Protein backbone atom coordinates (compact mmCIF):
# COMPACT_ATOMS: atom_id res chain seq x y z
CA UNK A 1 0.00 0.00 0.00
CA UNK A 2 1.27 3.47 -0.78
CA UNK A 3 1.90 6.23 1.74
CA UNK A 4 -1.14 8.19 0.55
CA UNK A 5 -2.83 9.72 -2.47
CA UNK A 6 -2.15 13.30 -3.62
CA UNK A 7 -4.75 15.53 -5.23
CA UNK A 8 -4.54 19.20 -6.21
CA UNK A 9 -5.93 20.61 -2.95
CA UNK A 10 -5.57 17.79 -0.45
CA UNK A 11 -3.84 14.55 0.37
CA UNK A 12 -5.34 11.30 1.68
CA UNK A 13 -3.04 9.88 4.33
CA UNK A 14 -3.50 6.49 6.00
CA UNK A 15 -3.79 6.84 9.77
CA UNK A 16 -2.18 4.62 12.32
CA UNK A 17 -5.63 3.58 13.55
CA UNK A 18 -6.73 -0.02 13.56
CA UNK A 19 -8.09 -1.81 10.51
CA UNK A 20 -11.86 -2.15 10.32
CA UNK A 21 -13.32 -5.56 9.44
CA UNK A 22 -16.75 -6.56 8.08
CA UNK A 23 -18.30 -9.66 6.55
CA UNK A 24 -20.47 -9.52 3.43
CA UNK A 25 -22.89 -12.06 1.97
CA UNK A 26 -22.04 -12.71 -1.67
CA UNK A 27 -25.66 -13.68 -2.44
CA UNK A 28 -27.59 -10.63 -1.18
CA UNK A 29 -24.62 -8.29 -0.51
CA UNK A 30 -25.83 -7.55 3.03
CA UNK A 31 -22.99 -6.55 5.35
CA UNK A 32 -22.45 -7.35 8.98
CA UNK A 33 -21.44 -4.78 11.61
CA UNK A 34 -17.97 -3.29 11.91
CA UNK A 35 -15.60 -5.30 14.08
CA UNK A 36 -12.08 -5.01 15.47
CA UNK A 37 -10.94 -8.42 14.18
CA UNK A 38 -11.67 -10.59 11.18
CA UNK A 39 -12.85 -13.42 13.44
CA UNK A 40 -15.34 -11.12 15.17
CA UNK A 41 -16.64 -9.87 11.80
CA UNK A 42 -17.14 -13.41 10.55
CA UNK A 43 -19.37 -14.29 13.54
CA UNK A 44 -22.12 -12.36 11.74
CA UNK A 45 -21.99 -15.02 9.01
CA UNK A 46 -23.33 -17.62 11.45
CA UNK A 47 -26.41 -15.53 12.23
CA UNK A 48 -27.03 -14.51 8.62
CA UNK A 49 -26.68 -18.09 7.39
CA UNK A 50 -29.15 -19.35 10.05
CA UNK A 51 -31.73 -16.89 8.68
CA UNK A 52 -30.82 -17.60 5.03
CA UNK A 53 -29.53 -21.19 4.67
CA UNK A 54 -29.24 -20.86 0.89
CA UNK A 55 -26.71 -18.00 1.30
CA UNK A 56 -23.48 -19.98 1.38
CA UNK A 57 -20.91 -17.53 -0.05
CA UNK A 58 -19.31 -14.81 2.11
CA UNK A 59 -16.31 -12.50 2.03
CA UNK A 60 -14.28 -10.77 4.70
CA UNK A 61 -13.58 -7.10 4.05
CA UNK A 62 -10.90 -5.04 5.76
CA UNK A 63 -10.27 -1.34 5.36
CA UNK A 64 -7.61 1.13 6.38
CA UNK A 65 -8.71 4.47 7.88
CA UNK A 66 -7.53 7.61 6.05
CA UNK A 67 -7.41 11.33 6.88
CA UNK A 68 -7.85 14.23 4.46
CA UNK A 69 -5.06 16.78 4.89
CA UNK A 70 -5.21 20.11 3.03
CA UNK A 71 -2.16 20.84 0.88
CA UNK A 72 -0.45 24.16 1.18
C-alpha atoms as a PDB file:
ATOM      1  CA  UNK A   1       0.000   0.000   0.000  1.00  0.00           C
ATOM      2  CA  UNK A   2       1.267   3.467  -0.778  1.00  0.00           C
ATOM      3  CA  UNK A   3       1.899   6.232   1.743  1.00  0.00           C
ATOM      4  CA  UNK A   4      -1.139   8.190   0.554  1.00  0.00           C
ATOM      5  CA  UNK A   5      -2.828   9.721  -2.469  1.00  0.00           C
ATOM      6  CA  UNK A   6      -2.152  13.297  -3.615  1.00  0.00           C
ATOM      7  CA  UNK A   7      -4.748  15.528  -5.229  1.00  0.00           C
ATOM      8  CA  UNK A   8      -4.541  19.200  -6.213  1.00  0.00           C
ATOM      9  CA  UNK A   9      -5.931  20.610  -2.948  1.00  0.00           C
ATOM     10  CA  UNK A  10      -5.575  17.789  -0.448  1.00  0.00           C
ATOM     11  CA  UNK A  11      -3.835  14.547   0.369  1.00  0.00           C
ATOM     12  CA  UNK A  12      -5.336  11.301   1.683  1.00  0.00           C
ATOM     13  CA  UNK A  13      -3.041   9.883   4.332  1.00  0.00           C
ATOM     14  CA  UNK A  14      -3.499   6.488   6.002  1.00  0.00           C
ATOM     15  CA  UNK A  15      -3.793   6.843   9.766  1.00  0.00           C
ATOM     16  CA  UNK A  16      -2.184   4.616  12.322  1.00  0.00           C
ATOM     17  CA  UNK A  17      -5.628   3.584  13.546  1.00  0.00           C
ATOM     18  CA  UNK A  18      -6.730  -0.024  13.561  1.00  0.00           C
ATOM     19  CA  UNK A  19      -8.090  -1.809  10.511  1.00  0.00           C
ATOM     20  CA  UNK A  20     -11.857  -2.148  10.323  1.00  0.00           C
ATOM     21  CA  UNK A  21     -13.324  -5.557   9.437  1.00  0.00           C
ATOM     22  CA  UNK A  22     -16.745  -6.559   8.083  1.00  0.00           C
ATOM     23  CA  UNK A  23     -18.300  -9.656   6.552  1.00  0.00           C
ATOM     24  CA  UNK A  24     -20.473  -9.521   3.434  1.00  0.00           C
ATOM     25  CA  UNK A  25     -22.885 -12.055   1.975  1.00  0.00           C
ATOM     26  CA  UNK A  26     -22.036 -12.712  -1.675  1.00  0.00           C
ATOM     27  CA  UNK A  27     -25.656 -13.684  -2.439  1.00  0.00           C
ATOM     28  CA  UNK A  28     -27.589 -10.632  -1.177  1.00  0.00           C
ATOM     29  CA  UNK A  29     -24.615  -8.288  -0.512  1.00  0.00           C
ATOM     30  CA  UNK A  30     -25.833  -7.546   3.032  1.00  0.00           C
ATOM     31  CA  UNK A  31     -22.994  -6.550   5.348  1.00  0.00           C
ATOM     32  CA  UNK A  32     -22.448  -7.350   8.985  1.00  0.00           C
ATOM     33  CA  UNK A  33     -21.439  -4.778  11.607  1.00  0.00           C
ATOM     34  CA  UNK A  34     -17.970  -3.289  11.910  1.00  0.00           C
ATOM     35  CA  UNK A  35     -15.595  -5.299  14.076  1.00  0.00           C
ATOM     36  CA  UNK A  36     -12.083  -5.010  15.467  1.00  0.00           C
ATOM     37  CA  UNK A  37     -10.937  -8.419  14.176  1.00  0.00           C
ATOM     38  CA  UNK A  38     -11.671 -10.589  11.182  1.00  0.00           C
ATOM     39  CA  UNK A  39     -12.854 -13.421  13.435  1.00  0.00           C
ATOM     40  CA  UNK A  40     -15.344 -11.117  15.173  1.00  0.00           C
ATOM     41  CA  UNK A  41     -16.638  -9.870  11.805  1.00  0.00           C
ATOM     42  CA  UNK A  42     -17.141 -13.411  10.554  1.00  0.00           C
ATOM     43  CA  UNK A  43     -19.366 -14.286  13.539  1.00  0.00           C
ATOM     44  CA  UNK A  44     -22.123 -12.365  11.736  1.00  0.00           C
ATOM     45  CA  UNK A  45     -21.986 -15.021   9.008  1.00  0.00           C
ATOM     46  CA  UNK A  46     -23.328 -17.624  11.450  1.00  0.00           C
ATOM     47  CA  UNK A  47     -26.413 -15.532  12.234  1.00  0.00           C
ATOM     48  CA  UNK A  48     -27.026 -14.511   8.625  1.00  0.00           C
ATOM     49  CA  UNK A  49     -26.685 -18.088   7.389  1.00  0.00           C
ATOM     50  CA  UNK A  50     -29.148 -19.347  10.052  1.00  0.00           C
ATOM     51  CA  UNK A  51     -31.731 -16.890   8.678  1.00  0.00           C
ATOM     52  CA  UNK A  52     -30.819 -17.599   5.027  1.00  0.00           C
ATOM     53  CA  UNK A  53     -29.527 -21.195   4.671  1.00  0.00           C
ATOM     54  CA  UNK A  54     -29.242 -20.861   0.888  1.00  0.00           C
ATOM     55  CA  UNK A  55     -26.710 -17.998   1.296  1.00  0.00           C
ATOM     56  CA  UNK A  56     -23.475 -19.981   1.383  1.00  0.00           C
ATOM     57  CA  UNK A  57     -20.912 -17.531  -0.047  1.00  0.00           C
ATOM     58  CA  UNK A  58     -19.311 -14.808   2.106  1.00  0.00           C
ATOM     59  CA  UNK A  59     -16.310 -12.502   2.031  1.00  0.00           C
ATOM     60  CA  UNK A  60     -14.277 -10.770   4.699  1.00  0.00           C
ATOM     61  CA  UNK A  61     -13.583  -7.096   4.049  1.00  0.00           C
ATOM     62  CA  UNK A  62     -10.903  -5.037   5.762  1.00  0.00           C
ATOM     63  CA  UNK A  63     -10.266  -1.338   5.364  1.00  0.00           C
ATOM     64  CA  UNK A  64      -7.605   1.130   6.378  1.00  0.00           C
ATOM     65  CA  UNK A  65      -8.711   4.467   7.876  1.00  0.00           C
ATOM     66  CA  UNK A  66      -7.535   7.608   6.052  1.00  0.00           C
ATOM     67  CA  UNK A  67      -7.412  11.333   6.883  1.00  0.00           C
ATOM     68  CA  UNK A  68      -7.848  14.226   4.457  1.00  0.00           C
ATOM     69  CA  UNK A  69      -5.061  16.779   4.891  1.00  0.00           C
ATOM     70  CA  UNK A  70      -5.205  20.106   3.031  1.00  0.00           C
ATOM     71  CA  UNK A  71      -2.161  20.844   0.879  1.00  0.00           C
ATOM     72  CA  UNK A  72      -0.446  24.164   1.185  1.00  0.00           C
END
